[in-house]
Amino acid sequence: MNNLPNTMTVGGRVYEIIRLIFDEVGHHTSLLYAADNLQADLGEEDCQHILKYQKDIPPELQGKINFVFTGWSCPGKRLDVACVEWKDGTWRLEWIYLGNYWFEDDCGLRRL
């Protein structure tokens, strides 16, 4: 993942890709740390914007990164958050449980 871009411009907005560091503190804690301390806590508006302008997402990220939006919880399921992932040839919205096992390709975004 080191050779992938650290920023991207999507629909005229510049985003920094925040790669989460998972260690002994646990994945859930790492994700919430990124959200709280690194301002990687984008919500529904940015998620919908990225989906709308997904053609601008660099193709080299396809299948290599998932974008997690901790600021947008699934209605009725507060611990499920939005995630945009590459699936079946397109970027799609998925809901993922915060308690799941997180992987190196799960990243937060911060708008610059």
C-alpha atoms as a PDB file:
ATOM      1  CA  MET A   1       0.000   0.000   0.000  1.00  0.00           C
ATOM      2  CA  ASN A   2       3.007   2.296   0.250  1.00  0.00           C
ATOM      3  CA  ASN A   3       2.970   3.047  -3.476  1.00  0.00           C
ATOM      4  CA  LEU A   4      -0.698   4.141  -3.484  1.00  0.00           C
ATOM      5  CA  PRO A   5      -1.666   7.822  -3.434  1.00  0.00           C
ATOM      6  CA  ASN A   6      -2.094   9.592  -0.080  1.00  0.00           C
ATOM      7  CA  THR A   7      -4.563  12.116  -1.490  1.00  0.00           C
ATOM      8  CA  MET A   8      -7.240  12.167  -4.140  1.00  0.00           C
ATOM      9  CA  THR A   9      -9.475  14.788  -5.717  1.00  0.00           C
ATOM     10  CA  VAL A  10     -13.067  13.649  -6.137  1.00  0.00           C
ATOM     11  CA  GLY A  11     -15.712  15.973  -7.557  1.00  0.00           C
ATOM     12  CA  GLY A  12     -13.478  18.983  -6.935  1.00  0.00           C
ATOM     13  CA  ARG A  13     -12.816  18.105  -3.268  1.00  0.00           C
ATOM     14  CA  VAL A  14      -9.401  17.032  -2.052  1.00  0.00           C
ATOM     15  CA  TYR A  15      -9.259  14.168   0.440  1.00  0.00           C
ATOM     16  CA  GLU A  16      -6.323  12.816   2.414  1.00  0.00           C
ATOM     17  CA  ILE A  17      -6.355   9.035   2.757  1.00  0.00           C
ATOM     18  CA  ILE A  18      -5.724   8.128   6.396  1.00  0.00           C
ATOM     19  CA  ARG A  19      -4.255   4.669   6.688  1.00  0.00           C
ATOM     20  CA  LEU A  20      -5.103   3.259  10.059  1.00  0.00           C
ATOM     21  CA  ILE A  21      -2.460   1.644  12.208  1.00  0.00           C
ATOM     22  CA  PHE A  22      -3.732  -1.420  13.994  1.00  0.00           C
ATOM     23  CA  ASP A  23      -1.717  -2.687  16.899  1.00  0.00           C
ATOM     24  CA  GLU A  24      -2.293  -4.004  20.373  1.00  0.00           C
ATOM     25  CA  VAL A  25      -4.920  -1.321  21.084  1.00  0.00           C
ATOM     26  CA  GLY A  26      -7.308  -3.105  18.737  1.00  0.00           C
ATOM     27  CA  HIS A  27      -9.006  -2.284  15.498  1.00  0.00           C
ATOM     28  CA  HIS A  28     -12.113  -0.649  16.927  1.00  0.00           C
ATOM     29  CA  THR A  29      -9.962   1.667  19.056  1.00  0.00           C
ATOM     30  CA  SER A  30      -7.693   2.523  16.106  1.00  0.00           C
ATOM     31  CA  LEU A  31     -10.659   3.444  13.930  1.00  0.00           C
ATOM     32  CA  LEU A  32     -12.197   5.648  16.608  1.00  0.00           C
ATOM     33  CA  TYR A  33      -8.803   7.270  17.281  1.00  0.00           C
ATOM     34  CA  ALA A  34      -8.538   8.174  13.605  1.00  0.00           C
ATOM     35  CA  ALA A  35     -12.040   9.593  13.656  1.00  0.00           C
ATOM     36  CA  ASP A  36     -11.568  11.629  16.815  1.00  0.00           C
ATOM     37  CA  ASN A  37      -7.953  12.755  16.629  1.00  0.00           C
ATOM     38  CA  LEU A  38      -7.165  12.833  12.923  1.00  0.00           C
ATOM     39  CA  GLN A  39     -10.490  14.339  11.779  1.00  0.00           C
ATOM     40  CA  ALA A  40     -11.104  11.232   9.668  1.00  0.00           C
ATOM     41  CA  ASP A  41     -14.753  11.162  10.714  1.00  0.00           C
ATOM     42  CA  LEU A  42     -16.562  12.149   7.542  1.00  0.00           C
ATOM     43  CA  GLY A  43     -20.268  11.482   7.287  1.00  0.00           C
ATOM     44  CA  GLU A  44     -23.138  10.975   4.874  1.00  0.00           C
ATOM     45  CA  GLU A  45     -22.613  14.111   2.787  1.00  0.00           C
ATOM     46  CA  ASP A  46     -19.012  13.278   1.895  1.00  0.00           C
ATOM     47  CA  CYS A  47     -19.819   9.600   1.386  1.00  0.00           C
ATOM     48  CA  GLN A  48     -22.610  10.447  -1.071  1.00  0.00           C
ATOM     49  CA  HIS A  49     -20.324  12.964  -2.802  1.00  0.00           C
ATOM     50  CA  ILE A  50     -17.632  10.324  -3.298  1.00  0.00           C
ATOM     51  CA  LEU A  51     -20.177   7.843  -4.650  1.00  0.00           C
ATOM     52  CA  LYS A  52     -21.611  10.459  -7.013  1.00  0.00           C
ATOM     53  CA  TYR A  53     -18.170  11.347  -8.404  1.00  0.00           C
ATOM     54  CA  GLN A  54     -16.596   7.907  -8.082  1.00  0.00           C
ATOM     55  CA  LYS A  55     -15.183   8.151 -11.611  1.00  0.00           C
ATOM     56  CA  ASP A  56     -12.621  10.569 -10.092  1.00  0.00           C
ATOM     57  CA  ILE A  57     -11.282   7.994  -7.602  1.00  0.00           C
ATOM     58  CA  PRO A  58      -7.845   6.946  -8.850  1.00  0.00           C
ATOM     59  CA  PRO A  59      -8.138   3.560 -10.579  1.00  0.00           C
ATOM     60  CA  GLU A  60      -5.090   2.233  -8.735  1.00  0.00           C
ATOM     61  CA  LEU A  61      -7.209   2.268  -5.531  1.00  0.00           C
ATOM     62  CA  GLN A  62      -9.805  -0.126  -6.949  1.00  0.00           C
ATOM     63  CA  GLY A  63      -9.882  -3.257  -4.838  1.00  0.00           C
ATOM     64  CA  LYS A  64      -7.036  -2.016  -2.648  1.00  0.00           C
ATOM     65  CA  ILE A  65      -8.720   0.469  -0.290  1.00  0.00           C
ATOM     66  CA  ASN A  66     -12.064   0.739   1.479  1.00  0.00           C
ATOM     67  CA  PHE A  67     -13.171   4.176   2.677  1.00  0.00           C
ATOM     68  CA  VAL A  68     -14.753   4.129   6.146  1.00  0.00           C
ATOM     69  CA  PHE A  69     -17.141   6.941   7.166  1.00  0.00           C
ATOM     70  CA  THR A  70     -17.424   6.816  10.955  1.00  0.00           C
ATOM     71  CA  GLY A  71     -19.581   9.958  10.919  1.00  0.00           C
ATOM     72  CA  TRP A  72     -22.481   8.127   9.235  1.00  0.00           C
ATOM     73  CA  SER A  73     -24.180   5.339  11.150  1.00  0.00           C
ATOM     74  CA  CYS A  74     -26.761   3.006   9.690  1.00  0.00           C
ATOM     75  CA  PRO A  75     -30.276   4.048  10.718  1.00  0.00           C
ATOM     76  CA  GLY A  76     -31.289   1.888  13.655  1.00  0.00           C
ATOM     77  CA  LYS A  77     -27.813   0.364  14.010  1.00  0.00           C
ATOM     78  CA  ARG A  78     -25.584   2.932  15.687  1.00  0.00           C
ATOM     79  CA  LEU A  79     -22.497   0.665  15.579  1.00  0.00           C
ATOM     80  CA  ASP A  80     -22.743   0.019  11.826  1.00  0.00           C
ATOM     81  CA  VAL A  81     -20.954   2.680   9.787  1.00  0.00           C
ATOM     82  CA  ALA A  82     -20.795   3.474   6.096  1.00  0.00           C
ATOM     83  CA  CYS A  83     -17.987   2.054   4.006  1.00  0.00           C
ATOM     84  CA  VAL A  84     -17.340   2.595   0.295  1.00  0.00           C
ATOM     85  CA  GLU A  85     -15.640  -0.403  -1.247  1.00  0.00           C
ATOM     86  CA  TRP A  86     -14.816  -1.645  -4.742  1.00  0.00           C
ATOM     87  CA  LYS A  87     -17.174  -4.471  -5.626  1.00  0.00           C
ATOM     88  CA  ASP A  88     -18.311  -5.922  -8.958  1.00  0.00           C
ATOM     89  CA  GLY A  89     -16.604  -3.200 -10.995  1.00  0.00           C
ATOM     90  CA  THR A  90     -17.953  -0.185  -9.095  1.00  0.00           C
ATOM     91  CA  TRP A  91     -17.608   1.659  -5.797  1.00  0.00           C
ATOM     92  CA  ARG A  92     -20.535   0.712  -3.528  1.00  0.00           C
ATOM     93  CA  LEU A  93     -21.923   1.685  -0.159  1.00  0.00           C
ATOM     94  CA  GLU A  94     -21.792  -1.065   2.453  1.00  0.00           C
ATOM     95  CA  TRP A  95     -22.609  -1.001   6.161  1.00  0.00           C
ATOM     96  CA  ILE A  96     -19.968  -2.529   8.393  1.00  0.00           C
ATOM     97  CA  TYR A  97     -20.028  -3.230  12.093  1.00  0.00           C
ATOM     98  CA  LEU A  98     -17.490  -1.283  14.150  1.00  0.00           C
ATOM     99  CA  GLY A  99     -16.699  -4.420  16.120  1.00  0.00           C
ATOM    100  CA  ASN A 100     -15.574  -6.304  13.003  1.00  0.00           C
ATOM    101  CA  TYR A 101     -11.998  -7.212  12.291  1.00  0.00           C
ATOM    102  CA  TRP A 102     -10.505  -4.298  10.362  1.00  0.00           C
ATOM    103  CA  PHE A 103      -7.893  -4.712   7.667  1.00  0.00           C
ATOM    104  CA  GLU A 104      -4.994  -2.639   6.377  1.00  0.00           C
ATOM    105  CA  ASP A 105      -7.097  -1.575   3.393  1.00  0.00           C
ATOM    106  CA  ASP A 106      -9.777   0.057   5.596  1.00  0.00           C
ATOM    107  CA  CYS A 107      -8.967   3.773   5.547  1.00  0.00           C
ATOM    108  CA  GLY A 108     -10.456   6.958   6.840  1.00  0.00           C
ATOM    109  CA  LEU A 109     -10.641  10.158   4.850  1.00  0.00           C
ATOM    110  CA  ARG A 110     -10.018  13.737   5.851  1.00  0.00           C
ATOM    111  CA  ARG A 111     -11.112  16.602   3.638  1.00  0.00           C
ATOM    112  CA  LEU A 112      -8.318  19.086   2.940  1.00  0.00           C
END
